[in-house]
Amino acid sequence: MPARFVFQTKAERSRLVTATPEGVVLLRYRTVEDLARYRPDMRELPLPVHGALVDRLRVALARRGIRVRVVWMEREAYDAWRGRRRDAEDVRAAWAALQITAAPAAAPEA
């Protein structure tokens, strides 16, 4: 039987996946320090394991026809956007979703 993600609550699902009109946005961390800072529950995992989890979730959702985008955490940009708001999963999710909706559209090919 293939491995499956099991979520106990809706809140657990929302911590991993942010839905936008454009699809699902997954947040990925570039450094061990950022992973430990923003996801202390994953502090003991090597960074490549986090990357593999994000990628497996991306592939699984894509196989179900769900458009998936991965956003890299950019601490400086996030902190500037966050301002005085407290850091929290839902705040990071909102920032990640804005990175997709605020990204300039690619220029059409000639």
Protein backbone atom coordinates (compact mmCIF):
# COMPACT_ATOMS: atom_id res chain seq x y z
CA MET A 1 0.00 0.00 0.00
CA PRO A 2 1.48 3.42 -0.92
CA ALA A 3 2.31 5.91 1.79
CA ARG A 4 -0.42 8.46 2.47
CA PHE A 5 -0.49 11.73 4.31
CA VAL A 6 -2.95 11.52 7.17
CA PHE A 7 -4.21 14.72 8.74
CA GLN A 8 -5.94 14.75 12.10
CA THR A 9 -7.55 18.15 11.72
CA LYS A 10 -8.28 20.83 9.17
CA ALA A 11 -5.73 23.02 10.97
CA GLU A 12 -2.99 20.46 10.27
CA ARG A 13 -3.85 20.51 6.56
CA SER A 14 -3.71 24.29 6.45
CA ARG A 15 -0.24 24.29 8.02
CA LEU A 16 1.13 22.33 5.08
CA VAL A 17 -0.88 23.62 2.15
CA THR A 18 -2.08 27.09 1.18
CA ALA A 19 -4.77 27.22 -1.49
CA THR A 20 -5.10 30.17 -3.84
CA PRO A 21 -7.22 30.71 -6.95
CA GLU A 22 -4.11 29.69 -8.87
CA GLY A 23 -3.81 26.35 -7.03
CA VAL A 24 -1.83 25.22 -4.02
CA VAL A 25 1.25 26.97 -2.64
CA LEU A 26 3.88 25.05 -0.69
CA LEU A 27 6.52 26.90 1.33
CA ARG A 28 10.07 25.57 1.28
CA TYR A 29 12.97 26.68 3.47
CA ARG A 30 16.46 27.29 2.07
CA THR A 31 18.54 26.98 5.23
CA VAL A 32 18.68 24.81 8.33
CA GLU A 33 18.39 28.00 10.39
CA ASP A 34 15.17 29.05 8.68
CA LEU A 35 13.71 25.57 8.99
CA ALA A 36 14.46 25.54 12.72
CA ARG A 37 13.18 29.10 13.18
CA TYR A 38 9.90 28.70 11.33
CA ARG A 39 9.26 24.98 11.78
CA PRO A 40 10.68 23.95 15.15
CA ASP A 41 8.79 20.66 14.81
CA MET A 42 11.18 19.82 11.93
CA ARG A 43 14.31 21.13 13.63
CA GLU A 44 15.90 17.67 13.88
CA LEU A 45 15.38 16.82 10.22
CA PRO A 46 18.16 17.36 7.71
CA LEU A 47 17.21 20.10 5.24
CA PRO A 48 17.10 17.68 2.27
CA VAL A 49 14.38 15.69 4.05
CA HIS A 50 12.21 18.81 4.25
CA GLY A 51 12.86 19.38 0.54
CA ALA A 52 11.92 15.80 -0.27
CA LEU A 53 8.68 16.09 1.72
CA VAL A 54 7.70 19.26 -0.12
CA ASP A 55 8.53 17.67 -3.46
CA ARG A 56 6.61 14.47 -2.73
CA LEU A 57 3.58 16.49 -1.71
CA ARG A 58 3.92 18.59 -4.88
CA VAL A 59 4.03 15.49 -7.06
CA ALA A 60 1.12 13.80 -5.25
CA LEU A 61 -1.10 16.86 -5.64
CA ALA A 62 -0.08 17.37 -9.26
CA ARG A 63 -1.05 13.76 -10.03
CA ARG A 64 -4.53 14.63 -8.79
CA GLY A 65 -4.71 17.51 -11.23
CA ILE A 66 -4.03 20.21 -8.64
CA ARG A 67 -1.75 23.03 -9.76
CA VAL A 68 1.08 23.35 -7.26
CA ARG A 69 3.62 26.13 -6.83
CA VAL A 70 6.57 26.05 -4.44
CA VAL A 71 7.65 29.31 -2.83
CA TRP A 72 11.07 29.59 -1.23
CA MET A 73 11.10 31.34 2.13
CA GLU A 74 12.96 34.61 1.84
CA ARG A 75 13.42 35.68 5.46
CA GLU A 76 14.25 39.33 4.78
CA ALA A 77 11.33 39.82 2.40
CA TYR A 78 8.95 37.98 4.73
CA ASP A 79 10.04 39.96 7.79
CA ALA A 80 9.71 43.26 5.89
CA TRP A 81 6.21 42.31 4.71
CA ARG A 82 5.19 41.01 8.15
CA GLY A 83 6.19 44.20 9.93
CA ARG A 84 4.99 44.08 13.54
CA ARG A 85 2.62 41.16 13.06
CA ARG A 86 3.58 38.09 15.03
CA ASP A 87 5.07 35.22 13.07
CA ALA A 88 2.66 32.31 12.66
CA GLU A 89 1.86 29.56 10.16
CA ASP A 90 -1.13 31.45 8.77
CA VAL A 91 0.94 34.62 8.35
CA ARG A 92 3.66 32.70 6.46
CA ALA A 93 0.96 31.05 4.34
CA ALA A 94 -0.50 34.44 3.43
CA TRP A 95 2.96 35.74 2.50
CA ALA A 96 3.65 32.67 0.36
CA ALA A 97 0.33 33.04 -1.47
CA LEU A 98 1.12 36.69 -2.18
CA GLN A 99 4.41 35.68 -3.77
CA ILE A 100 2.43 33.77 -6.38
CA THR A 101 -0.29 36.36 -6.98
CA ALA A 102 2.15 39.29 -6.91
CA ALA A 103 4.71 37.68 -9.19
CA PRO A 104 4.91 39.43 -12.55
CA ALA A 105 3.57 37.44 -15.44
CA ALA A 106 6.13 35.98 -17.79
CA ALA A 107 6.59 37.83 -21.04
CA PRO A 108 4.90 36.08 -23.96
CA GLU A 109 7.20 34.23 -26.30
CA ALA A 110 7.85 35.89 -29.65
